[in-house]
N, C-alpha and C. Protein backbone atom coordinates (compact mmCIF):
# COMPACT_ATOMS: atom_id res chain seq x y z
N UNK A 1 -16.96 25.26 16.47
CA UNK A 1 -15.73 24.74 16.68
C UNK A 1 -14.75 25.76 16.68
N UNK A 2 -13.77 26.00 17.67
CA UNK A 2 -12.96 27.06 17.68
C UNK A 2 -11.70 26.58 16.80
N UNK A 3 -11.24 27.33 15.97
CA UNK A 3 -10.02 27.06 15.27
C UNK A 3 -8.71 27.50 15.73
N UNK A 4 -7.91 26.77 15.77
CA UNK A 4 -6.41 27.09 16.45
C UNK A 4 -5.92 28.25 15.46
N UNK A 5 -5.43 29.31 16.11
CA UNK A 5 -4.80 30.47 15.53
C UNK A 5 -3.34 30.36 15.84
N UNK A 6 -2.57 29.82 14.89
CA UNK A 6 -0.97 29.65 15.20
C UNK A 6 -0.26 30.76 14.54
N UNK A 7 -0.84 31.79 14.21
CA UNK A 7 -0.28 33.08 13.72
C UNK A 7 0.50 33.77 15.05
N UNK A 8 1.64 33.24 15.50
CA UNK A 8 2.23 33.65 16.72
C UNK A 8 3.59 33.26 16.64
N UNK A 9 4.62 34.10 17.04
CA UNK A 9 5.89 33.86 17.09
C UNK A 9 6.23 32.75 18.04
N UNK A 10 7.05 31.80 17.75
CA UNK A 10 7.41 30.69 18.66
C UNK A 10 6.37 29.22 18.28
N UNK A 11 5.46 29.45 17.41
CA UNK A 11 4.51 28.36 17.20
C UNK A 11 4.74 27.65 15.85
N UNK A 12 5.99 27.92 15.19
CA UNK A 12 6.27 27.27 13.85
C UNK A 12 6.56 25.73 14.15
N UNK A 13 5.98 24.95 13.27
CA UNK A 13 6.35 23.61 13.53
C UNK A 13 5.50 22.62 14.42
N UNK A 14 4.43 23.48 15.07
CA UNK A 14 3.59 22.69 15.95
C UNK A 14 2.77 21.61 15.25
N UNK A 15 2.19 20.64 16.01
CA UNK A 15 1.42 19.68 15.48
C UNK A 15 -0.07 20.12 15.58
N UNK A 16 -0.54 20.80 14.48
CA UNK A 16 -1.82 21.47 14.47
C UNK A 16 -3.11 20.58 14.66
N UNK A 17 -2.94 19.41 14.00
CA UNK A 17 -3.95 18.62 13.96
C UNK A 17 -4.21 17.94 15.45
N UNK A 18 -3.08 17.64 16.13
CA UNK A 18 -3.05 17.06 17.47
C UNK A 18 -3.71 18.29 18.40
N UNK A 19 -3.18 19.25 18.27
CA UNK A 19 -3.65 20.48 19.19
C UNK A 19 -5.22 20.74 18.82
N UNK A 20 -5.58 20.67 17.53
CA UNK A 20 -6.93 21.17 17.19
C UNK A 20 -7.96 19.95 17.84
N UNK A 21 -7.52 18.82 17.68
CA UNK A 21 -8.19 17.72 18.27
C UNK A 21 -8.45 17.95 19.86
N UNK A 22 -7.50 18.33 20.56
CA UNK A 22 -7.61 18.39 21.96
C UNK A 22 -8.51 19.87 22.11
N UNK A 23 -8.36 20.75 21.39
CA UNK A 23 -9.28 21.98 21.59
C UNK A 23 -10.67 21.48 21.44
N UNK A 24 -11.07 20.73 20.23
CA UNK A 24 -12.32 20.37 20.02
C UNK A 24 -12.92 19.42 21.03
N UNK A 25 -12.06 18.52 21.58
CA UNK A 25 -12.55 17.44 22.65
C UNK A 25 -12.83 18.35 23.95
N UNK A 26 -12.44 19.45 24.14
CA UNK A 26 -12.52 20.23 25.44
C UNK A 26 -13.39 21.64 25.19
N UNK A 27 -14.07 21.64 23.97
CA UNK A 27 -14.99 22.90 23.84
C UNK A 27 -16.38 22.41 24.13
N UNK A 28 -17.10 23.20 24.70
CA UNK A 28 -18.61 22.81 25.23
C UNK A 28 -19.53 22.84 24.14
N UNK A 29 -20.52 22.10 24.05
CA UNK A 29 -21.43 22.17 22.89
C UNK A 29 -22.01 23.55 22.83
N UNK A 30 -22.24 24.19 24.01
CA UNK A 30 -22.88 25.49 23.94
C UNK A 30 -21.94 26.38 23.14
N UNK A 31 -20.59 26.41 23.27
CA UNK A 31 -19.74 27.29 22.63
C UNK A 31 -19.68 26.87 21.04
N UNK A 32 -19.72 25.64 20.83
CA UNK A 32 -19.71 25.06 19.51
C UNK A 32 -21.03 25.86 18.69
N UNK A 33 -22.27 25.74 19.52
CA UNK A 33 -23.33 26.17 18.72
C UNK A 33 -23.27 27.76 18.55
N UNK A 34 -22.77 28.34 19.45
CA UNK A 34 -22.55 29.85 19.58
C UNK A 34 -21.66 30.19 18.33
N UNK A 35 -20.72 29.45 18.22
CA UNK A 35 -19.57 29.77 17.09
C UNK A 35 -20.22 29.37 15.71
N UNK A 36 -21.18 28.40 15.70
CA UNK A 36 -21.81 28.08 14.29
C UNK A 36 -22.84 29.16 14.04
N UNK A 37 -23.48 29.72 15.04
CA UNK A 37 -24.46 30.84 14.66
C UNK A 37 -23.67 31.82 14.27
N UNK A 38 -22.61 32.23 14.76
CA UNK A 38 -21.78 33.45 14.42
C UNK A 38 -21.33 33.23 13.01
N UNK A 39 -20.82 32.04 12.64
CA UNK A 39 -20.34 31.62 11.34
C UNK A 39 -21.60 31.78 10.22
N UNK A 40 -22.57 31.39 10.75
CA UNK A 40 -23.85 31.48 9.83
C UNK A 40 -24.13 32.84 9.41
N UNK A 41 -24.04 33.77 10.30
CA UNK A 41 -24.28 35.30 10.19
C UNK A 41 -23.25 35.81 9.15
N UNK A 42 -22.02 35.34 9.40
CA UNK A 42 -21.09 35.77 8.43
C UNK A 42 -21.19 35.30 7.00
N UNK A 43 -21.64 34.00 6.78
CA UNK A 43 -21.78 33.44 5.65
C UNK A 43 -22.94 34.11 4.81
N UNK A 44 -24.07 34.49 5.67
CA UNK A 44 -25.37 35.01 5.04
C UNK A 44 -24.83 36.36 4.59
N UNK A 45 -24.00 37.18 5.28
CA UNK A 45 -23.55 38.44 4.93
C UNK A 45 -22.78 38.27 3.61
N UNK A 46 -21.92 37.29 3.45
CA UNK A 46 -21.21 37.11 2.15
C UNK A 46 -22.01 36.82 1.04
N UNK A 47 -23.04 35.97 1.28
CA UNK A 47 -23.98 35.67 0.27
C UNK A 47 -24.77 36.81 -0.27
N UNK A 48 -25.08 37.78 0.68
CA UNK A 48 -25.72 39.06 0.36
C UNK A 48 -25.05 39.83 -0.53
N UNK A 49 -23.72 40.09 -0.10
CA UNK A 49 -22.64 40.83 -0.92
C UNK A 49 -22.42 40.20 -2.40
N UNK A 50 -22.53 38.85 -2.46
CA UNK A 50 -22.24 38.16 -3.81
C UNK A 50 -23.54 38.43 -4.60
N UNK A 51 -24.65 38.42 -4.14
CA UNK A 51 -25.92 38.69 -4.87
C UNK A 51 -25.71 40.10 -5.32
N UNK A 52 -25.43 40.98 -4.70
CA UNK A 52 -25.33 42.43 -5.03
C UNK A 52 -24.38 42.53 -6.22
N UNK A 53 -23.26 41.98 -6.03
CA UNK A 53 -22.14 42.02 -7.09
C UNK A 53 -22.64 41.28 -8.39
N UNK A 54 -23.51 40.07 -8.27
CA UNK A 54 -23.88 39.34 -9.33
C UNK A 54 -24.92 40.50 -10.22
N UNK A 55 -25.58 41.33 -9.49
CA UNK A 55 -26.57 42.10 -10.12
C UNK A 55 -26.14 43.42 -10.81
N UNK A 56 -24.78 43.68 -10.56
CA UNK A 56 -24.01 44.92 -10.97
C UNK A 56 -23.74 44.47 -12.49
N UNK A 57 -23.98 45.57 -13.39
CA UNK A 57 -23.53 45.47 -14.71
C UNK A 57 -22.24 45.87 -14.91
N UNK A 58 -21.64 45.35 -16.01
CA UNK A 58 -20.10 45.54 -16.28
C UNK A 58 -19.89 47.05 -16.38
N UNK A 59 -20.88 47.82 -17.04
CA UNK A 59 -20.59 49.26 -17.12
C UNK A 59 -20.52 50.05 -15.72
N UNK A 60 -21.55 49.41 -14.80
CA UNK A 60 -21.43 49.95 -13.36
C UNK A 60 -20.08 49.58 -12.63
N UNK A 61 -19.77 48.42 -12.76
CA UNK A 61 -18.47 47.93 -12.34
C UNK A 61 -17.22 48.87 -12.66
N UNK A 62 -17.27 49.02 -14.12
CA UNK A 62 -16.15 49.85 -14.45
C UNK A 62 -16.23 51.34 -14.19
N UNK A 63 -17.46 51.99 -14.05
CA UNK A 63 -17.75 53.08 -13.45
C UNK A 63 -17.11 53.38 -12.04
N UNK A 64 -17.48 52.36 -11.15
CA UNK A 64 -17.26 52.29 -9.80
C UNK A 64 -15.69 52.18 -9.75
N UNK A 65 -15.07 51.36 -10.42
CA UNK A 65 -13.61 51.27 -10.46
C UNK A 65 -12.78 52.57 -10.86
N UNK A 66 -13.40 53.38 -11.81
CA UNK A 66 -12.81 54.59 -12.24
C UNK A 66 -12.93 55.49 -11.03
N UNK A 67 -14.15 55.60 -10.46
CA UNK A 67 -14.20 56.48 -9.22
C UNK A 67 -13.13 56.25 -8.10
N UNK A 68 -12.97 54.98 -7.93
CA UNK A 68 -11.97 54.45 -6.91
C UNK A 68 -10.69 54.94 -7.34
N UNK A 69 -10.31 54.61 -8.64
CA UNK A 69 -9.05 55.17 -9.01
C UNK A 69 -8.69 56.53 -8.72
N UNK A 70 -9.74 57.32 -9.04
CA UNK A 70 -9.75 58.84 -8.76
C UNK A 70 -9.41 59.13 -7.30
N UNK A 71 -10.19 58.44 -6.34
CA UNK A 71 -10.16 58.52 -4.97
C UNK A 71 -8.54 58.12 -4.40
N UNK A 72 -8.09 57.11 -5.04
CA UNK A 72 -6.82 56.46 -4.75
C UNK A 72 -5.87 57.36 -5.21
N UNK A 73 -5.77 58.06 -6.30
CA UNK A 73 -4.89 59.18 -6.81
C UNK A 73 -4.90 60.35 -5.87
N UNK A 74 -6.07 60.72 -5.43
CA UNK A 74 -6.16 61.86 -4.51
C UNK A 74 -5.46 61.64 -3.02
N UNK A 75 -5.81 60.35 -2.74
CA UNK A 75 -5.02 59.93 -1.51
C UNK A 75 -3.49 59.66 -1.43
N UNK A 76 -3.14 59.22 -2.66
CA UNK A 76 -1.64 59.22 -3.03
C UNK A 76 -0.87 60.57 -3.06
N UNK A 77 -1.66 61.60 -3.51
CA UNK A 77 -1.04 62.75 -3.37
C UNK A 77 -0.96 63.10 -1.91
N UNK A 78 -1.85 62.93 -1.13
CA UNK A 78 -1.69 63.44 0.40
C UNK A 78 -0.66 62.44 1.29
N UNK A 79 -0.30 61.45 0.66
CA UNK A 79 0.65 60.51 1.36
C UNK A 79 2.02 61.32 1.54
N UNK A 80 2.52 61.22 2.95
CA UNK A 80 3.76 61.81 3.18
C UNK A 80 4.79 60.66 3.59
N UNK A 81 5.71 60.39 2.65
CA UNK A 81 6.73 59.40 2.94
C UNK A 81 7.95 60.00 3.49
N UNK A 82 7.85 61.17 4.06
CA UNK A 82 9.10 61.93 4.51
C UNK A 82 9.41 61.38 6.11
N UNK A 83 8.42 60.90 6.48
CA UNK A 83 8.69 60.48 7.96
C UNK A 83 8.68 58.95 8.23
N UNK A 84 9.32 58.71 9.24
CA UNK A 84 9.76 57.27 9.66
C UNK A 84 8.92 56.86 10.85
N UNK A 85 7.89 56.25 10.71
CA UNK A 85 7.03 55.80 11.85
C UNK A 85 7.18 54.32 12.18
N UNK A 86 7.22 53.83 13.45
CA UNK A 86 7.36 52.73 13.96
C UNK A 86 6.30 52.36 14.88
N UNK A 87 5.92 51.09 14.71
CA UNK A 87 5.16 50.50 15.85
C UNK A 87 5.79 49.41 16.37
N UNK A 88 5.75 49.55 17.86
CA UNK A 88 6.55 48.60 18.65
C UNK A 88 5.34 47.69 19.42
N UNK A 89 5.57 46.40 19.21
CA UNK A 89 4.69 45.57 20.12
C UNK A 89 5.70 44.48 20.67
N UNK A 90 5.68 44.38 22.18
CA UNK A 90 6.68 43.71 22.91
C UNK A 90 6.00 42.29 23.16
N UNK A 91 6.42 41.23 22.36
CA UNK A 91 5.93 39.93 22.39
C UNK A 91 6.00 39.37 23.85
N UNK A 92 4.79 38.78 24.23
CA UNK A 92 4.88 38.09 25.50
C UNK A 92 5.41 38.81 26.70
N UNK A 93 4.96 40.12 26.63
CA UNK A 93 5.44 41.09 27.54
C UNK A 93 5.02 40.75 29.06
N UNK A 94 3.90 40.36 29.46
CA UNK A 94 3.63 39.85 30.74
C UNK A 94 4.51 38.72 31.28
N UNK A 95 4.59 37.73 30.15
CA UNK A 95 5.55 36.50 30.57
C UNK A 95 6.91 36.87 30.80
N UNK A 96 7.41 37.75 29.98
CA UNK A 96 8.83 38.50 29.88
C UNK A 96 9.00 38.87 31.37
N UNK A 97 8.11 39.87 31.87
CA UNK A 97 8.29 40.27 33.15
C UNK A 97 8.46 39.01 34.15
N UNK A 98 7.45 38.28 34.15
CA UNK A 98 7.50 37.15 35.09
C UNK A 98 8.69 36.37 35.09
N UNK A 99 9.19 36.16 33.93
CA UNK A 99 10.51 35.31 33.64
C UNK A 99 11.71 36.19 34.23
N UNK A 100 11.47 37.48 34.03
CA UNK A 100 12.65 38.45 34.66
C UNK A 100 12.83 38.29 36.07
N UNK A 101 11.59 38.28 36.77
CA UNK A 101 11.55 38.41 38.20
C UNK A 101 11.67 36.91 38.93
N UNK A 102 11.33 35.77 38.04
CA UNK A 102 11.59 34.50 38.56
C UNK A 102 12.30 33.70 37.49
N UNK A 103 13.62 33.67 37.34
CA UNK A 103 14.15 32.86 36.40
C UNK A 103 13.98 31.33 36.09
N UNK A 104 13.38 30.83 37.23
CA UNK A 104 13.02 29.28 37.23
C UNK A 104 11.89 29.16 36.10
N UNK A 105 11.18 30.32 35.65
CA UNK A 105 9.94 30.08 34.74
C UNK A 105 10.59 30.19 33.19
N UNK A 106 11.94 30.52 33.06
CA UNK A 106 12.47 30.80 31.76
C UNK A 106 12.51 29.48 30.72
N UNK A 107 12.73 28.31 31.52
CA UNK A 107 12.93 27.14 30.67
C UNK A 107 11.80 26.16 30.90
N UNK A 108 10.74 26.55 31.43
CA UNK A 108 9.57 25.64 31.50
C UNK A 108 8.36 26.21 30.78
N UNK A 109 7.31 25.47 30.44
CA UNK A 109 6.25 25.99 29.88
C UNK A 109 5.35 26.84 30.80
N UNK A 110 5.19 28.20 30.48
CA UNK A 110 4.46 29.05 31.40
C UNK A 110 3.48 29.93 30.66
N UNK A 111 2.55 30.34 31.36
CA UNK A 111 1.54 31.37 30.89
C UNK A 111 1.13 32.33 31.88
N UNK A 112 0.58 33.41 31.62
CA UNK A 112 -0.03 34.31 32.42
C UNK A 112 -1.40 34.34 32.32
N UNK A 113 -2.26 34.31 33.27
CA UNK A 113 -3.67 34.16 33.22
C UNK A 113 -4.43 33.43 34.31
N UNK A 114 -5.25 32.62 33.97
CA UNK A 114 -6.10 31.74 34.71
C UNK A 114 -6.57 30.58 34.02
N UNK A 115 -7.19 29.55 34.71
CA UNK A 115 -7.94 28.42 34.18
C UNK A 115 -8.94 28.93 33.12
N UNK A 116 -9.55 30.21 33.15
CA UNK A 116 -10.58 30.76 32.46
C UNK A 116 -10.00 31.22 31.16
N UNK A 117 -8.90 31.76 31.18
CA UNK A 117 -8.35 32.56 30.05
C UNK A 117 -6.83 32.98 30.30
N UNK A 118 -6.06 32.83 29.28
CA UNK A 118 -4.63 33.32 29.43
C UNK A 118 -4.35 34.52 28.58
N UNK A 119 -3.53 35.31 29.25
CA UNK A 119 -3.20 36.54 28.49
C UNK A 119 -2.12 36.40 27.63
N UNK A 120 -1.11 35.56 28.01
CA UNK A 120 -0.02 35.41 27.02
C UNK A 120 0.64 34.10 27.51
N UNK A 121 1.78 33.54 26.67
CA UNK A 121 2.50 32.49 27.04
C UNK A 121 3.91 32.78 26.59
N UNK A 122 4.92 31.96 27.25
CA UNK A 122 6.29 32.17 26.80
C UNK A 122 6.57 31.03 25.50
N UNK A 123 7.66 31.26 25.22
CA UNK A 123 8.06 30.41 23.93
C UNK A 123 7.96 28.89 24.18
N UNK A 124 8.39 28.53 25.29
CA UNK A 124 8.44 27.18 25.54
C UNK A 124 6.99 26.52 25.51
N UNK A 125 6.11 27.38 26.07
CA UNK A 125 4.75 26.81 26.18
C UNK A 125 3.99 26.85 24.71
N UNK A 126 4.54 27.77 23.89
CA UNK A 126 3.81 27.85 22.50
C UNK A 126 4.20 26.79 21.69
N UNK A 127 5.38 26.03 21.99
CA UNK A 127 5.79 24.76 21.26
C UNK A 127 4.65 23.82 21.41
N UNK A 128 3.77 23.87 22.55
CA UNK A 128 2.66 22.85 22.71
C UNK A 128 1.35 23.25 22.16
N UNK A 129 1.31 24.63 21.56
CA UNK A 129 0.29 25.28 21.09
C UNK A 129 -0.62 26.25 22.07
N UNK A 130 0.10 26.49 23.17
CA UNK A 130 -0.41 27.31 24.31
C UNK A 130 -0.16 28.61 23.67
N UNK A 131 -1.23 29.52 23.84
CA UNK A 131 -1.22 30.82 23.38
C UNK A 131 -2.27 31.81 23.96
N UNK A 132 -2.04 33.06 23.87
CA UNK A 132 -3.06 34.13 24.39
C UNK A 132 -4.39 33.81 23.96
N UNK A 133 -5.33 34.21 24.83
CA UNK A 133 -6.89 33.98 24.46
C UNK A 133 -7.37 32.75 24.45
N UNK A 134 -6.52 31.77 24.99
CA UNK A 134 -7.01 30.44 25.13
C UNK A 134 -7.31 30.04 26.54
N UNK A 135 -8.55 29.40 26.74
CA UNK A 135 -8.69 29.09 28.16
C UNK A 135 -7.46 28.12 28.68
N UNK A 136 -7.27 28.50 30.00
CA UNK A 136 -6.23 27.85 30.67
C UNK A 136 -6.54 26.43 30.77
N UNK A 137 -7.79 26.02 31.18
CA UNK A 137 -7.85 24.38 31.31
C UNK A 137 -7.66 23.74 29.95
N UNK A 138 -7.88 24.40 28.79
CA UNK A 138 -7.59 23.75 27.52
C UNK A 138 -6.07 23.60 27.44
N UNK A 139 -5.34 24.76 27.83
CA UNK A 139 -3.95 24.85 27.56
C UNK A 139 -3.20 23.68 28.51
N UNK A 140 -3.74 23.48 29.61
CA UNK A 140 -3.22 22.42 30.49
C UNK A 140 -3.46 21.07 29.99
N UNK A 141 -4.54 20.95 29.05
CA UNK A 141 -4.68 19.56 28.35
C UNK A 141 -3.51 19.42 27.36
N UNK A 142 -3.10 20.53 26.67
CA UNK A 142 -2.26 20.57 25.52
C UNK A 142 -0.87 20.26 26.18
N UNK A 143 -0.61 21.05 27.46
CA UNK A 143 0.55 20.82 28.11
C UNK A 143 0.36 20.74 29.69
N UNK A 144 0.24 19.35 29.97
CA UNK A 144 0.08 19.33 31.50
C UNK A 144 1.09 19.83 32.48
N UNK A 145 2.38 20.05 31.92
CA UNK A 145 3.34 20.70 32.92
C UNK A 145 3.24 22.16 33.04
N UNK A 146 2.18 22.78 32.21
CA UNK A 146 2.17 24.16 32.19
C UNK A 146 2.01 24.83 33.51
N UNK A 147 2.64 25.88 33.72
CA UNK A 147 2.86 26.62 35.00
C UNK A 147 1.83 27.95 34.63
N UNK A 148 0.87 28.20 35.23
CA UNK A 148 -0.06 29.37 35.08
C UNK A 148 0.26 30.20 36.15
N UNK A 149 0.77 31.58 35.76
CA UNK A 149 1.02 32.70 36.86
C UNK A 149 -0.06 33.58 36.83
N UNK A 150 -0.54 33.92 38.07
CA UNK A 150 -1.64 34.89 38.09
C UNK A 150 -1.04 36.29 37.76
N UNK A 151 -1.78 37.06 36.96
CA UNK A 151 -1.33 38.37 36.49
C UNK A 151 -1.03 39.34 37.68
N UNK A 152 -0.01 40.18 37.37
CA UNK A 152 0.32 40.99 38.43
C UNK A 152 0.50 42.51 37.87
N UNK A 153 -0.66 43.23 37.50
CA UNK A 153 -0.72 44.38 36.60
C UNK A 153 0.14 45.52 37.17
N UNK A 154 0.28 45.62 38.58
CA UNK A 154 1.16 46.67 39.05
C UNK A 154 2.56 46.49 38.66
N UNK A 155 3.00 45.38 38.50
CA UNK A 155 4.34 45.07 38.18
C UNK A 155 4.58 45.25 36.64
N UNK A 156 3.45 45.04 35.71
CA UNK A 156 3.54 45.29 34.32
C UNK A 156 3.56 46.68 33.98
N UNK A 157 2.74 47.27 34.88
CA UNK A 157 2.81 48.81 34.57
C UNK A 157 4.05 49.45 34.85
N UNK A 158 4.65 48.90 36.00
CA UNK A 158 5.95 49.74 36.27
C UNK A 158 7.07 49.44 35.13
N UNK A 159 7.03 47.94 34.72
CA UNK A 159 8.04 47.66 33.59
C UNK A 159 7.59 48.42 32.35
N UNK A 160 6.41 48.66 32.15
CA UNK A 160 6.11 49.52 30.96
C UNK A 160 6.64 51.12 31.16
N UNK A 161 6.47 51.35 32.36
CA UNK A 161 7.03 52.97 32.58
C UNK A 161 8.55 52.77 32.41
N UNK A 162 9.25 51.75 32.68
CA UNK A 162 10.76 51.74 32.38
C UNK A 162 10.90 51.67 30.88
N UNK A 163 10.26 50.92 30.14
CA UNK A 163 10.41 50.99 28.76
C UNK A 163 10.04 52.41 28.04
N UNK A 164 8.95 52.85 28.63
CA UNK A 164 8.59 54.30 28.15
C UNK A 164 9.66 55.26 28.09
N UNK A 165 10.68 55.12 29.14
CA UNK A 165 11.75 56.10 29.29
C UNK A 165 12.53 55.98 28.13
N UNK A 166 12.76 54.73 27.61
CA UNK A 166 13.63 54.26 26.43
C UNK A 166 13.01 54.97 25.20
N UNK A 167 11.68 54.69 25.16
CA UNK A 167 10.91 55.21 23.81
C UNK A 167 11.18 56.80 23.76
N UNK A 168 11.07 57.42 24.95
CA UNK A 168 11.11 58.90 24.96
C UNK A 168 12.46 59.38 24.37
N UNK A 169 13.52 58.62 24.54
CA UNK A 169 14.79 59.05 24.02
C UNK A 169 14.72 59.08 22.53
N UNK A 170 13.82 58.30 21.78
CA UNK A 170 13.83 58.28 20.42
C UNK A 170 12.77 59.10 19.80
N UNK A 171 11.61 59.26 20.74
CA UNK A 171 10.42 60.15 20.19
C UNK A 171 9.99 60.70 21.52
N UNK A 172 10.13 61.86 21.81
CA UNK A 172 9.52 62.71 23.10
C UNK A 172 7.92 62.58 23.15
N UNK A 173 7.50 62.50 21.70
CA UNK A 173 5.91 62.67 21.60
C UNK A 173 5.30 61.17 21.34
N UNK A 174 5.94 60.18 21.62
CA UNK A 174 5.47 58.79 21.25
C UNK A 174 4.19 58.60 22.09
N UNK A 175 3.37 57.70 21.51
CA UNK A 175 2.06 57.25 22.16
C UNK A 175 1.97 55.82 22.50
N UNK A 176 1.33 55.45 23.57
CA UNK A 176 1.38 54.01 24.06
C UNK A 176 -0.09 53.42 23.43
N UNK A 177 -0.11 52.43 22.72
CA UNK A 177 -1.41 51.75 22.57
C UNK A 177 -1.91 50.86 23.67
N UNK A 178 -0.89 50.43 24.55
CA UNK A 178 -1.26 49.59 25.80
C UNK A 178 0.12 49.48 26.48
N UNK A 179 -0.09 48.61 27.58
CA UNK A 179 1.16 48.53 28.38
C UNK A 179 2.35 48.08 27.62
N UNK A 180 2.20 47.38 26.51
CA UNK A 180 3.38 46.81 25.67
C UNK A 180 3.36 47.17 24.25
N UNK A 181 2.61 48.31 23.97
CA UNK A 181 2.57 48.77 22.51
C UNK A 181 3.00 50.12 22.44
N UNK A 182 3.71 50.51 21.42
CA UNK A 182 3.90 51.97 21.29
C UNK A 182 3.95 52.42 19.79
N UNK A 183 3.75 53.72 19.52
CA UNK A 183 3.78 54.15 18.27
C UNK A 183 4.79 55.35 18.25
N UNK A 184 5.71 55.27 17.39
CA UNK A 184 6.90 56.49 17.54
C UNK A 184 7.17 56.89 16.07
N UNK A 185 7.68 58.15 15.93
CA UNK A 185 8.13 58.89 14.91
C UNK A 185 9.49 58.91 14.91
N UNK A 186 10.37 58.34 14.31
CA UNK A 186 11.80 58.22 14.59
C UNK A 186 12.57 59.11 13.57
N UNK A 187 11.78 60.05 12.67
CA UNK A 187 12.42 60.91 11.65
C UNK A 187 13.41 61.76 12.49
N UNK A 188 13.02 62.56 13.47
CA UNK A 188 13.94 63.56 14.06
C UNK A 188 15.16 62.88 14.57
N UNK A 189 15.08 61.91 15.37
CA UNK A 189 16.04 61.07 15.86
C UNK A 189 17.22 60.67 14.73
N UNK A 190 16.65 60.09 13.83
CA UNK A 190 17.43 59.65 12.63
C UNK A 190 18.22 60.65 12.01
N UNK A 191 17.62 61.86 11.85
CA UNK A 191 18.09 62.90 11.00
C UNK A 191 19.26 63.60 12.09
N UNK A 192 19.07 63.52 13.30
CA UNK A 192 20.02 63.98 14.42
C UNK A 192 21.33 62.95 14.33
N UNK A 193 21.04 61.86 14.24
CA UNK A 193 22.23 60.68 14.17
C UNK A 193 22.97 60.88 12.93
N UNK A 194 22.24 61.01 11.80
CA UNK A 194 22.94 61.19 10.57
C UNK A 194 23.87 62.45 10.50
N UNK A 195 23.28 63.47 11.21
CA UNK A 195 24.00 64.77 11.29
C UNK A 195 25.25 64.58 12.10
N UNK A 196 25.20 63.80 13.27
CA UNK A 196 26.19 63.51 14.17
C UNK A 196 27.08 62.48 13.90
N UNK A 197 26.68 61.72 12.70
CA UNK A 197 27.35 60.40 12.20
C UNK A 197 27.34 59.29 13.35
N UNK A 198 26.29 59.15 14.06
CA UNK A 198 26.18 58.19 14.93
C UNK A 198 25.08 57.26 14.51
N UNK A 199 25.19 56.43 13.76
CA UNK A 199 24.05 55.53 13.33
C UNK A 199 24.22 54.03 13.77
N UNK A 200 25.27 53.81 14.72
CA UNK A 200 25.58 52.39 15.04
C UNK A 200 24.58 51.72 15.80
N UNK A 201 23.56 52.49 16.46
CA UNK A 201 22.32 51.91 17.09
C UNK A 201 21.06 52.64 16.98
């Protein structure tokens, strides 16, 4: 059984039980069997670790904890808190690009993907429990009015390039994790703004 993951912006207050019931009703027995086998492997691994833990003496546990304290202290000495690092993840990026180009999609439940799998969904669709990594056919059961837009990766790459120009203003050496994800060091930018007295944005 595939459990609903509602750890996503825009999904607060959804009816989890109703959504889970629809997911369960539309999940194939083969998928359920596969998920059960996967969970059984995880459970078996947990049990193995529990047995190892039970066989450890209190002296061995104390010795290991002391060793880890030393490792922790050494790592703490190496930590550099003088830099300001930021991770940027643009939520519903593909959907945002589609809504930018077609404003009629802004106020209706929409997702990007196919009946097989969704890449993302807008906030209207998330109110129905529709989210990324969900098969589109199940999403349509949750929200019959859902509009699924076929992905247009060339368009998303172009939008990502536009955003990169903005990132470069803050950190010329930023790195992208994906089309909608970036890692930046803002230290130099912040220091310059402090010196110039320009911290309003």
